[in-house]
N, C-alpha and C. Protein backbone atom coordinates (compact mmCIF):
# COMPACT_ATOMS: atom_id res chain seq x y z
N MET A 1 -41.70 -83.65 131.69
CA MET A 1 -39.89 -83.56 131.23
C MET A 1 -40.25 -82.66 129.76
N SER A 2 -41.76 -82.24 129.80
CA SER A 2 -42.29 -81.23 128.36
C SER A 2 -42.21 -80.39 128.75
N TYR A 3 -41.98 -79.88 130.05
CA TYR A 3 -42.26 -78.62 131.17
C TYR A 3 -40.42 -78.44 130.89
N GLU A 4 -39.69 -78.45 130.63
CA GLU A 4 -38.21 -78.72 130.83
C GLU A 4 -37.49 -78.53 129.54
N TRP A 5 -38.28 -79.51 128.23
CA TRP A 5 -38.16 -79.27 126.75
C TRP A 5 -38.65 -77.70 126.20
N ALA A 6 -39.80 -77.57 126.82
CA ALA A 6 -39.82 -76.26 126.49
C ALA A 6 -39.32 -75.06 127.28
N GLU A 7 -39.18 -74.99 128.27
CA GLU A 7 -38.28 -74.36 128.86
C GLU A 7 -37.79 -73.77 128.22
N LYS A 8 -36.79 -75.37 127.56
CA LYS A 8 -35.84 -75.24 127.20
C LYS A 8 -35.38 -74.25 125.66
N ILE A 9 -36.60 -74.78 125.07
CA ILE A 9 -36.69 -74.41 123.77
C ILE A 9 -37.39 -72.79 123.98
N ALA A 10 -37.72 -72.33 124.65
CA ALA A 10 -38.98 -71.02 124.72
C ALA A 10 -37.17 -70.26 124.86
N VAL A 11 -36.42 -71.00 125.70
CA VAL A 11 -35.10 -69.28 125.94
C VAL A 11 -34.46 -69.51 124.94
N SER A 12 -34.02 -70.56 124.44
CA SER A 12 -33.26 -70.66 122.98
C SER A 12 -33.71 -69.53 121.76
N ILE A 13 -35.40 -70.08 121.02
CA ILE A 13 -35.96 -69.11 120.66
C ILE A 13 -35.87 -67.76 120.69
N LYS A 14 -36.07 -66.89 122.65
CA LYS A 14 -35.91 -65.65 122.77
C LYS A 14 -34.98 -65.34 122.94
N ASN A 15 -33.67 -66.44 122.94
CA ASN A 15 -32.46 -66.59 122.54
C ASN A 15 -31.96 -66.03 120.99
N LYS A 16 -31.94 -66.64 120.60
CA LYS A 16 -31.97 -65.81 119.10
C LYS A 16 -33.11 -64.74 117.96
N ALA A 17 -34.11 -64.05 118.98
CA ALA A 17 -34.25 -63.26 118.74
C ALA A 17 -35.40 -62.27 119.76
N PRO A 18 -34.68 -61.73 120.00
CA PRO A 18 -35.47 -61.41 121.47
C PRO A 18 -36.83 -60.26 120.76
N ASP A 19 -36.42 -59.43 120.32
CA ASP A 19 -37.01 -58.73 119.37
C ASP A 19 -38.46 -59.03 118.98
N GLN A 20 -38.15 -60.08 118.36
CA GLN A 20 -39.37 -60.63 118.04
C GLN A 20 -39.86 -62.13 118.05
N THR A 21 -39.43 -62.41 119.26
CA THR A 21 -40.77 -62.88 119.69
C THR A 21 -41.60 -63.13 121.03
N ALA A 22 -42.61 -63.76 121.40
CA ALA A 22 -43.43 -63.83 122.65
C ALA A 22 -42.71 -64.20 124.11
N SER A 23 -42.90 -63.96 124.87
CA SER A 23 -42.24 -63.58 126.30
C SER A 23 -42.09 -65.05 126.32
N VAL A 24 -41.05 -65.57 127.03
CA VAL A 24 -40.74 -67.14 127.50
C VAL A 24 -41.64 -67.57 127.99
N GLU A 25 -42.34 -67.42 129.14
CA GLU A 25 -43.54 -67.76 129.46
C GLU A 25 -44.11 -67.61 128.63
N VAL A 26 -44.86 -67.27 127.42
CA VAL A 26 -45.43 -67.21 126.82
C VAL A 26 -45.75 -69.01 125.92
N MET A 27 -44.21 -68.71 124.61
CA MET A 27 -43.82 -69.56 124.26
C MET A 27 -43.72 -70.97 124.54
N LYS A 28 -43.88 -70.94 126.65
CA LYS A 28 -43.21 -72.13 126.63
C LYS A 28 -44.38 -72.47 127.05
N PHE A 29 -45.89 -72.19 128.02
CA PHE A 29 -47.22 -72.43 127.92
C PHE A 29 -47.89 -73.16 125.80
N ALA A 30 -47.19 -72.61 125.13
CA ALA A 30 -48.12 -73.29 123.80
C ALA A 30 -46.75 -74.14 123.59
N LEU A 31 -45.77 -74.16 123.49
CA LEU A 31 -44.69 -76.22 123.77
C LEU A 31 -45.69 -76.52 124.35
N ILE A 32 -45.51 -76.43 125.60
CA ILE A 32 -46.15 -77.70 126.47
C ILE A 32 -47.63 -78.00 125.56
N SER A 33 -48.34 -77.16 125.63
CA SER A 33 -49.82 -77.62 124.94
C SER A 33 -49.73 -78.32 123.65
N LEU A 34 -48.33 -78.07 123.04
CA LEU A 34 -48.02 -78.68 121.60
C LEU A 34 -47.62 -80.27 121.61
N PHE A 35 -46.42 -80.33 122.26
CA PHE A 35 -46.50 -81.32 123.20
C PHE A 35 -47.19 -82.42 123.46
N ASN A 36 -48.23 -81.74 123.89
CA ASN A 36 -49.46 -82.52 124.80
C ASN A 36 -50.42 -83.10 124.41
N GLY A 37 -50.38 -81.99 123.35
CA GLY A 37 -51.74 -82.80 122.05
C GLY A 37 -50.93 -84.26 121.29
N THR A 38 -49.57 -83.57 120.70
CA THR A 38 -49.28 -83.90 120.09
C THR A 38 -49.67 -85.34 120.79
N THR A 39 -49.06 -85.34 121.79
CA THR A 39 -48.87 -87.25 122.42
C THR A 39 -49.58 -87.64 122.87
N VAL A 40 -50.96 -86.93 122.92
CA VAL A 40 -52.25 -87.67 123.82
C VAL A 40 -52.33 -88.33 122.16
N MET A 41 -52.88 -87.79 121.14
CA MET A 41 -52.98 -88.40 119.51
C MET A 41 -51.94 -89.68 119.05
N VAL A 42 -50.62 -89.20 119.72
CA VAL A 42 -50.46 -89.99 119.21
C VAL A 42 -49.92 -92.13 120.09
N ALA A 43 -50.60 -91.34 121.53
CA ALA A 43 -50.88 -92.21 122.60
C ALA A 43 -51.99 -93.06 121.83
N CYS A 44 -53.30 -92.01 121.91
CA CYS A 44 -54.49 -92.86 120.88
C CYS A 44 -54.69 -93.23 120.00
N LEU A 45 -54.03 -92.55 118.88
CA LEU A 45 -53.66 -93.03 117.77
C LEU A 45 -52.94 -95.47 117.80
N LEU A 46 -51.82 -95.52 119.11
CA LEU A 46 -51.42 -96.52 118.72
C LEU A 46 -52.43 -97.25 119.75
N ILE A 47 -53.24 -96.85 120.68
CA ILE A 47 -53.69 -97.40 120.93
C ILE A 47 -55.20 -98.02 120.05
N GLY A 48 -55.41 -97.69 119.62
CA GLY A 48 -56.59 -97.72 118.08
C GLY A 48 -56.29 -98.67 117.31
N GLY A 49 -54.81 -98.26 117.17
CA GLY A 49 -54.34 -98.82 115.96
C GLY A 49 -54.67 -101.01 117.13
N ILE A 50 -54.20 -100.66 117.87
CA ILE A 50 -53.59 -101.94 118.82
C ILE A 50 -54.83 -102.50 118.70
N THR A 51 -55.65 -101.75 119.29
CA THR A 51 -57.62 -102.08 119.64
C THR A 51 -58.21 -102.85 117.86
N GLY A 52 -57.93 -102.43 116.94
CA GLY A 52 -58.39 -102.55 115.78
C GLY A 52 -60.07 -101.28 115.68
N LYS A 53 -59.76 -100.46 116.67
CA LYS A 53 -60.83 -99.52 116.52
C LYS A 53 -59.98 -97.72 115.70
N MET A 54 -58.66 -98.12 114.82
CA MET A 54 -58.21 -96.53 114.43
C MET A 54 -59.15 -95.72 113.75
N THR A 55 -60.02 -95.67 112.67
CA THR A 55 -61.02 -95.15 112.82
C THR A 55 -61.76 -94.92 113.32
N GLU A 56 -62.76 -95.07 114.59
CA GLU A 56 -63.15 -95.00 115.10
C GLU A 56 -62.30 -93.81 116.25
N THR A 57 -61.54 -94.33 115.97
CA THR A 57 -60.50 -93.22 117.38
C THR A 57 -60.48 -92.35 117.16
N ILE A 58 -59.68 -91.79 115.44
CA ILE A 58 -59.85 -91.22 114.64
C ILE A 58 -60.45 -90.41 114.80
N ILE A 59 -62.48 -90.52 114.86
CA ILE A 59 -63.14 -89.88 114.60
C ILE A 59 -63.55 -89.20 115.38
N THR A 60 -63.88 -89.83 116.79
CA THR A 60 -63.83 -89.59 118.80
C THR A 60 -62.91 -88.23 118.59
N MET A 61 -61.75 -88.18 118.30
CA MET A 61 -60.54 -87.27 118.46
C MET A 61 -60.70 -85.87 118.12
N ILE A 62 -61.40 -86.34 116.53
CA ILE A 62 -61.18 -85.01 115.78
C ILE A 62 -62.94 -84.14 116.36
N ALA A 63 -64.15 -85.14 116.53
CA ALA A 63 -65.38 -84.46 117.02
C ALA A 63 -64.89 -83.90 118.26
N PHE A 64 -64.28 -84.39 119.37
CA PHE A 64 -64.54 -83.88 120.89
C PHE A 64 -63.27 -82.85 120.40
N ALA A 65 -62.50 -82.72 119.73
CA ALA A 65 -61.34 -81.55 119.95
C ALA A 65 -62.34 -80.33 119.15
N VAL A 66 -63.31 -81.03 118.45
CA VAL A 66 -63.86 -79.49 118.01
C VAL A 66 -64.96 -79.02 118.61
N MET A 67 -65.59 -80.31 119.31
CA MET A 67 -66.87 -79.61 120.66
C MET A 67 -66.31 -79.11 121.32
N ARG A 68 -64.34 -79.35 122.01
CA ARG A 68 -64.29 -78.84 123.06
C ARG A 68 -63.48 -76.84 122.48
N PHE A 69 -63.16 -76.98 121.50
CA PHE A 69 -63.36 -75.25 120.44
C PHE A 69 -64.29 -74.85 120.33
N LEU A 70 -65.15 -75.23 120.55
CA LEU A 70 -66.40 -74.53 120.38
C LEU A 70 -67.23 -74.32 122.17
N ALA A 71 -66.84 -75.54 123.13
CA ALA A 71 -67.80 -75.43 124.05
C ALA A 71 -66.88 -75.25 125.49
N GLY A 72 -65.57 -74.95 124.95
CA GLY A 72 -64.19 -75.14 126.07
C GLY A 72 -64.46 -75.95 126.96
N GLY A 73 -64.31 -75.67 127.84
CA GLY A 73 -64.46 -76.62 128.94
C GLY A 73 -63.34 -77.31 129.96
N PHE A 74 -63.15 -77.55 131.10
CA PHE A 74 -61.91 -78.13 131.70
C PHE A 74 -60.97 -78.98 131.73
N HIS A 75 -59.79 -77.53 132.26
CA HIS A 75 -58.25 -78.32 132.11
C HIS A 75 -58.28 -78.30 133.39
N PHE A 76 -56.96 -79.52 132.95
CA PHE A 76 -55.98 -79.35 134.18
C PHE A 76 -54.61 -79.04 134.31
N GLU A 77 -55.37 -78.61 135.81
CA GLU A 77 -53.38 -77.96 136.62
C GLU A 77 -52.52 -78.49 135.56
N SER A 78 -51.94 -79.65 135.96
CA SER A 78 -50.98 -80.35 135.36
C SER A 78 -51.10 -80.89 134.20
N ALA A 79 -49.99 -81.14 132.70
CA ALA A 79 -49.99 -81.80 132.17
C ALA A 79 -49.70 -83.49 131.57
N LEU A 80 -49.27 -83.41 132.49
CA LEU A 80 -49.25 -85.46 133.21
C LEU A 80 -50.52 -85.53 133.22
N THR A 81 -51.53 -84.78 134.09
CA THR A 81 -52.29 -84.90 133.81
C THR A 81 -53.40 -85.77 133.08
N CYS A 82 -53.18 -84.26 132.48
CA CYS A 82 -54.52 -83.47 131.39
C CYS A 82 -54.08 -85.28 130.24
N PHE A 83 -52.44 -85.33 130.11
CA PHE A 83 -51.97 -86.67 129.16
C PHE A 83 -52.98 -87.81 129.44
N LEU A 84 -53.14 -88.54 130.74
CA LEU A 84 -53.45 -89.65 131.56
C LEU A 84 -54.65 -89.49 130.92
N VAL A 85 -54.92 -88.76 131.50
CA VAL A 85 -57.03 -88.25 131.83
C VAL A 85 -57.26 -87.81 129.82
N SER A 86 -56.63 -87.25 129.06
CA SER A 86 -57.10 -87.19 127.71
C SER A 86 -56.38 -88.80 126.48
N THR A 87 -56.01 -89.56 126.82
CA THR A 87 -55.61 -90.54 126.81
C THR A 87 -56.52 -91.90 126.80
N ALA A 88 -56.24 -91.93 128.56
CA ALA A 88 -57.58 -92.98 128.38
C ALA A 88 -59.12 -92.30 127.52
N LEU A 89 -59.25 -91.54 127.75
CA LEU A 89 -61.15 -91.67 127.62
C LEU A 89 -61.50 -90.76 125.86
N LEU A 90 -59.88 -90.49 125.62
CA LEU A 90 -60.10 -90.54 123.95
C LEU A 90 -59.67 -91.82 123.49
N SER A 91 -59.44 -93.06 123.77
CA SER A 91 -59.09 -94.06 123.41
C SER A 91 -59.72 -95.53 124.19
N THR A 92 -60.75 -95.02 124.85
CA THR A 92 -62.31 -95.51 125.36
C THR A 92 -63.06 -95.75 124.85
N LEU A 93 -63.76 -94.62 124.79
CA LEU A 93 -65.24 -93.44 124.23
C LEU A 93 -65.34 -94.85 122.76
N PRO A 94 -63.78 -94.88 121.64
CA PRO A 94 -64.59 -95.76 121.10
C PRO A 94 -65.04 -96.81 121.33
N HIS A 95 -64.84 -97.79 122.00
CA HIS A 95 -65.00 -99.03 123.00
C HIS A 95 -66.63 -99.06 123.36
N ILE A 96 -66.54 -97.68 123.69
CA ILE A 96 -67.11 -98.75 124.98
C ILE A 96 -69.71 -97.95 124.17
N PRO A 97 -70.20 -99.26 124.27
CA PRO A 97 -70.98 -98.92 123.37
C PRO A 97 -72.26 -98.26 124.18
N VAL A 98 -73.28 -98.20 122.53
CA VAL A 98 -74.11 -97.06 123.37
C VAL A 98 -75.33 -97.75 123.36
N PRO A 99 -76.19 -97.53 124.67
CA PRO A 99 -77.69 -98.75 124.85
C PRO A 99 -78.65 -98.10 123.50
N ASP A 100 -79.60 -99.43 123.38
CA ASP A 100 -80.27 -98.77 122.70
C ASP A 100 -81.46 -97.75 123.13
N GLY A 101 -82.01 -96.86 122.35
CA GLY A 101 -83.17 -95.76 123.48
C GLY A 101 -82.37 -94.59 124.10
N ILE A 102 -81.21 -94.45 124.27
CA ILE A 102 -80.71 -93.53 125.39
C ILE A 102 -79.98 -92.50 124.83
N GLN A 103 -79.51 -92.77 123.41
CA GLN A 103 -79.07 -91.76 122.30
C GLN A 103 -79.38 -90.02 122.89
N ILE A 104 -81.27 -90.61 122.63
CA ILE A 104 -81.80 -88.54 122.77
C ILE A 104 -81.18 -88.57 123.89
N TYR A 105 -81.63 -89.02 125.09
CA TYR A 105 -81.38 -88.58 126.68
C TYR A 105 -79.81 -88.00 126.75
N LEU A 106 -78.61 -88.31 125.86
CA LEU A 106 -77.66 -87.98 125.91
C LEU A 106 -77.27 -86.84 125.71
N SER A 107 -78.57 -87.11 124.17
CA SER A 107 -77.75 -86.03 123.38
C SER A 107 -78.48 -84.52 123.77
N ILE A 108 -79.97 -84.85 124.86
CA ILE A 108 -80.81 -83.85 125.07
C ILE A 108 -80.01 -83.12 126.77
N ILE A 109 -79.54 -83.98 127.31
CA ILE A 109 -78.32 -83.65 128.46
C ILE A 109 -77.42 -82.53 127.42
N SER A 110 -76.84 -83.21 127.05
CA SER A 110 -75.09 -82.60 126.31
C SER A 110 -76.36 -80.83 126.11
N ILE A 111 -77.43 -80.78 125.15
CA ILE A 111 -77.65 -79.62 125.19
C ILE A 111 -78.16 -78.96 126.66
N VAL A 112 -78.44 -79.04 126.56
CA VAL A 112 -79.32 -78.27 128.12
C VAL A 112 -77.77 -77.99 128.45
N LEU A 113 -76.31 -79.47 128.56
CA LEU A 113 -75.65 -78.46 129.65
C LEU A 113 -74.64 -76.95 129.18
N LEU A 114 -74.37 -77.97 127.44
CA LEU A 114 -74.09 -76.84 126.18
C LEU A 114 -74.56 -74.71 127.01
N LEU A 115 -76.36 -75.47 126.93
CA LEU A 115 -77.06 -73.96 127.31
C LEU A 115 -76.53 -73.19 127.87
N ILE A 116 -75.94 -74.19 129.14
CA ILE A 116 -76.05 -73.75 130.64
C ILE A 116 -75.23 -72.65 130.35
N PHE A 117 -73.56 -73.79 130.18
CA PHE A 117 -72.50 -73.56 130.49
C PHE A 117 -71.42 -73.12 129.40
N ALA A 118 -71.97 -73.28 128.16
CA ALA A 118 -70.83 -73.34 126.97
C ALA A 118 -70.69 -72.07 126.74
N PRO A 119 -69.59 -71.08 126.74
CA PRO A 119 -68.46 -71.75 125.99
C PRO A 119 -67.87 -71.83 127.36
N SER A 120 -67.54 -72.73 128.51
CA SER A 120 -66.43 -72.60 129.28
C SER A 120 -65.30 -72.44 129.51
N ASP A 121 -64.69 -71.45 130.01
CA ASP A 121 -63.22 -71.69 130.52
C ASP A 121 -61.96 -70.78 129.31
N VAL A 122 -62.99 -70.59 128.55
CA VAL A 122 -62.01 -69.97 127.11
C VAL A 122 -61.84 -68.60 127.26
N LYS A 123 -62.60 -67.66 128.51
CA LYS A 123 -61.93 -66.31 128.58
C LYS A 123 -60.93 -65.73 128.95
N GLY A 124 -60.48 -65.05 128.11
CA GLY A 124 -59.10 -64.82 128.49
C GLY A 124 -57.58 -65.92 128.15
N LYS A 125 -58.23 -67.72 127.83
CA LYS A 125 -57.56 -68.65 126.95
C LYS A 125 -57.27 -68.73 125.26
N THR A 126 -58.51 -67.70 125.42
CA THR A 126 -58.48 -67.70 123.56
C THR A 126 -58.23 -65.90 123.00
N ARG A 127 -58.34 -66.18 121.49
CA ARG A 127 -57.77 -65.18 121.04
C ARG A 127 -59.57 -64.76 119.98
N ILE A 128 -59.82 -65.68 120.68
CA ILE A 128 -61.45 -64.75 120.29
C ILE A 128 -62.09 -64.17 121.06
N PRO A 129 -62.94 -62.60 120.31
CA PRO A 129 -63.68 -61.82 121.46
C PRO A 129 -64.17 -62.45 121.40
N GLU A 130 -64.80 -62.07 123.35
CA GLU A 130 -66.13 -61.64 123.91
C GLU A 130 -66.96 -62.07 123.21
N LYS A 131 -67.75 -60.50 122.30
CA LYS A 131 -68.51 -60.63 121.51
C LYS A 131 -68.84 -62.00 120.78
N TYR A 132 -68.07 -62.82 120.43
CA TYR A 132 -68.43 -64.40 119.49
C TYR A 132 -69.08 -65.49 119.95
N PHE A 133 -69.08 -65.60 122.07
CA PHE A 133 -69.31 -66.49 122.92
C PHE A 133 -70.07 -67.03 122.31
N LEU A 134 -71.27 -65.92 122.16
CA LEU A 134 -72.54 -66.34 121.79
C LEU A 134 -72.25 -67.53 120.25
N TYR A 135 -71.76 -67.00 119.47
CA TYR A 135 -71.25 -67.98 118.94
C TYR A 135 -71.52 -68.84 117.89
N LEU A 136 -70.54 -69.33 119.59
CA LEU A 136 -69.26 -70.51 119.58
C LEU A 136 -70.69 -71.50 120.20
N LYS A 137 -71.27 -71.32 121.75
CA LYS A 137 -72.98 -71.09 121.92
C LYS A 137 -73.12 -72.27 121.13
N LEU A 138 -73.76 -71.90 120.03
CA LEU A 138 -74.96 -71.45 119.30
C LEU A 138 -73.92 -73.36 118.77
N SER A 139 -73.19 -72.87 118.31
CA SER A 139 -72.46 -74.08 117.19
C SER A 139 -72.03 -75.34 117.77
N SER A 140 -72.58 -74.88 119.17
CA SER A 140 -71.73 -76.21 119.56
C SER A 140 -72.97 -77.27 119.15
N ILE A 141 -74.32 -76.03 120.25
CA ILE A 141 -75.34 -77.17 120.04
C ILE A 141 -75.53 -77.68 118.74
N LEU A 142 -75.81 -76.58 118.06
CA LEU A 142 -75.82 -77.04 116.19
C LEU A 142 -75.08 -78.65 116.35
N LEU A 143 -74.05 -79.21 116.38
CA LEU A 143 -73.36 -79.94 116.60
C LEU A 143 -74.32 -81.17 116.86
N VAL A 144 -74.35 -80.77 118.24
CA VAL A 144 -75.72 -82.29 118.46
C VAL A 144 -76.99 -82.49 118.10
N CYS A 145 -77.83 -81.41 117.81
CA CYS A 145 -78.93 -81.57 116.82
C CYS A 145 -78.11 -81.96 115.79
N GLY A 146 -77.18 -81.77 114.79
CA GLY A 146 -77.10 -82.17 113.93
C GLY A 146 -77.21 -84.08 113.88
N ASN A 147 -76.24 -84.19 115.21
CA ASN A 147 -76.44 -85.74 115.49
C ASN A 147 -77.26 -86.65 115.78
N ILE A 148 -78.46 -86.06 115.79
CA ILE A 148 -79.50 -86.22 116.30
C ILE A 148 -79.81 -86.63 115.20
N PHE A 149 -79.62 -85.96 114.13
CA PHE A 149 -79.80 -86.54 112.65
C PHE A 149 -79.57 -87.81 112.05
N ILE A 150 -77.93 -87.55 112.48
CA ILE A 150 -76.79 -88.61 111.60
C ILE A 150 -76.56 -89.70 112.85
N GLY A 151 -77.38 -89.33 113.58
CA GLY A 151 -77.29 -90.63 114.25
C GLY A 151 -75.70 -91.27 115.27
N SER A 152 -75.03 -91.25 115.08
CA SER A 152 -73.92 -91.28 115.34
C SER A 152 -73.68 -91.12 116.64
N ASP A 153 -72.99 -92.97 116.75
CA ASP A 153 -72.90 -93.34 118.68
C ASP A 153 -70.98 -92.96 118.75
N LEU A 154 -70.34 -92.65 117.78
CA LEU A 154 -68.74 -91.98 118.16
C LEU A 154 -69.51 -90.89 117.97
N LEU A 155 -69.42 -89.77 117.40
CA LEU A 155 -70.29 -88.61 117.65
C LEU A 155 -70.92 -88.68 119.12
N LEU A 156 -71.55 -88.61 119.15
CA LEU A 156 -72.92 -89.09 120.27
C LEU A 156 -71.58 -89.36 121.93
N LYS A 157 -71.31 -89.90 121.92
CA LYS A 157 -70.29 -90.10 123.27
C LYS A 157 -69.09 -88.34 122.71
N ALA A 158 -68.23 -88.15 122.22
CA ALA A 158 -67.20 -87.56 122.28
C ALA A 158 -68.14 -86.37 122.39
N PHE A 159 -69.22 -85.91 121.69
CA PHE A 159 -70.03 -84.58 122.15
C PHE A 159 -69.88 -84.19 123.96
N PHE A 160 -70.86 -85.55 123.96
CA PHE A 160 -71.13 -86.25 125.33
C PHE A 160 -69.81 -86.01 126.28
N THR A 161 -69.36 -85.77 126.01
CA THR A 161 -68.38 -86.40 126.76
C THR A 161 -67.66 -84.30 127.26
N ALA A 162 -67.72 -83.96 126.06
CA ALA A 162 -67.41 -82.41 125.97
C ALA A 162 -67.98 -81.86 126.65
N SER A 163 -69.17 -82.32 126.49
CA SER A 163 -70.20 -81.34 127.45
C SER A 163 -70.13 -81.74 128.71
N LEU A 164 -70.22 -82.67 129.46
CA LEU A 164 -70.17 -82.51 130.63
C LEU A 164 -68.24 -82.02 130.87
N MET A 165 -67.43 -81.42 130.35
CA MET A 165 -66.14 -80.91 131.01
C MET A 165 -66.39 -78.93 130.81
N THR A 166 -67.53 -78.65 130.24
CA THR A 166 -67.67 -77.81 130.56
C THR A 166 -68.96 -77.64 131.78
N VAL A 167 -69.02 -77.91 133.19
CA VAL A 167 -69.79 -78.24 134.26
C VAL A 167 -69.09 -77.22 134.81
N LYS A 168 -68.95 -76.40 135.18
CA LYS A 168 -68.35 -75.70 136.37
C LYS A 168 -68.76 -75.87 137.76
N ILE A 169 -67.46 -76.75 138.06
CA ILE A 169 -67.48 -77.47 139.45
C ILE A 169 -66.57 -76.26 140.70
N ARG A 170 -67.92 -75.59 141.75
CA ARG A 170 -66.79 -74.94 142.34
C ARG A 170 -66.54 -75.66 143.78
N ARG A 171 -64.80 -75.10 144.17
CA ARG A 171 -64.24 -75.89 144.58
C ARG A 171 -64.72 -75.22 146.20
């Protein structure tokens, strides 16, 4: 459904200001991303509210989004798949306990994955010049290191999950 709406809106915008707008395809992609991100946030907030984990869900979403911005990661081909997986993941993470003693191991795994793979799948998909990619990598690693001292299980789960998504799997 978001594909159809995005196409109609993009064509409408292009028709109103043909010389002052990006291509229909570029606007359509941006609108689909906006629709998808918004629906994921609303769905997660509803689930977080229903389950009594609203604050935890908000923290998880923000931490995950920041890490994804810095480290990049896998993207699904379908907006529907992205919506379903993202909503399930972000609304489930606040409910998963982290057993005592494994926090440091999850942090180390995250750091290693980020050292090897970050930033992942961002080339050509961001306006950030490639010369700054090393800073993205270092910033993502610093976030994980900072959380070792903070000790937040919520941040740990969001960062660990996002770092897993940087792994490039060849088909």
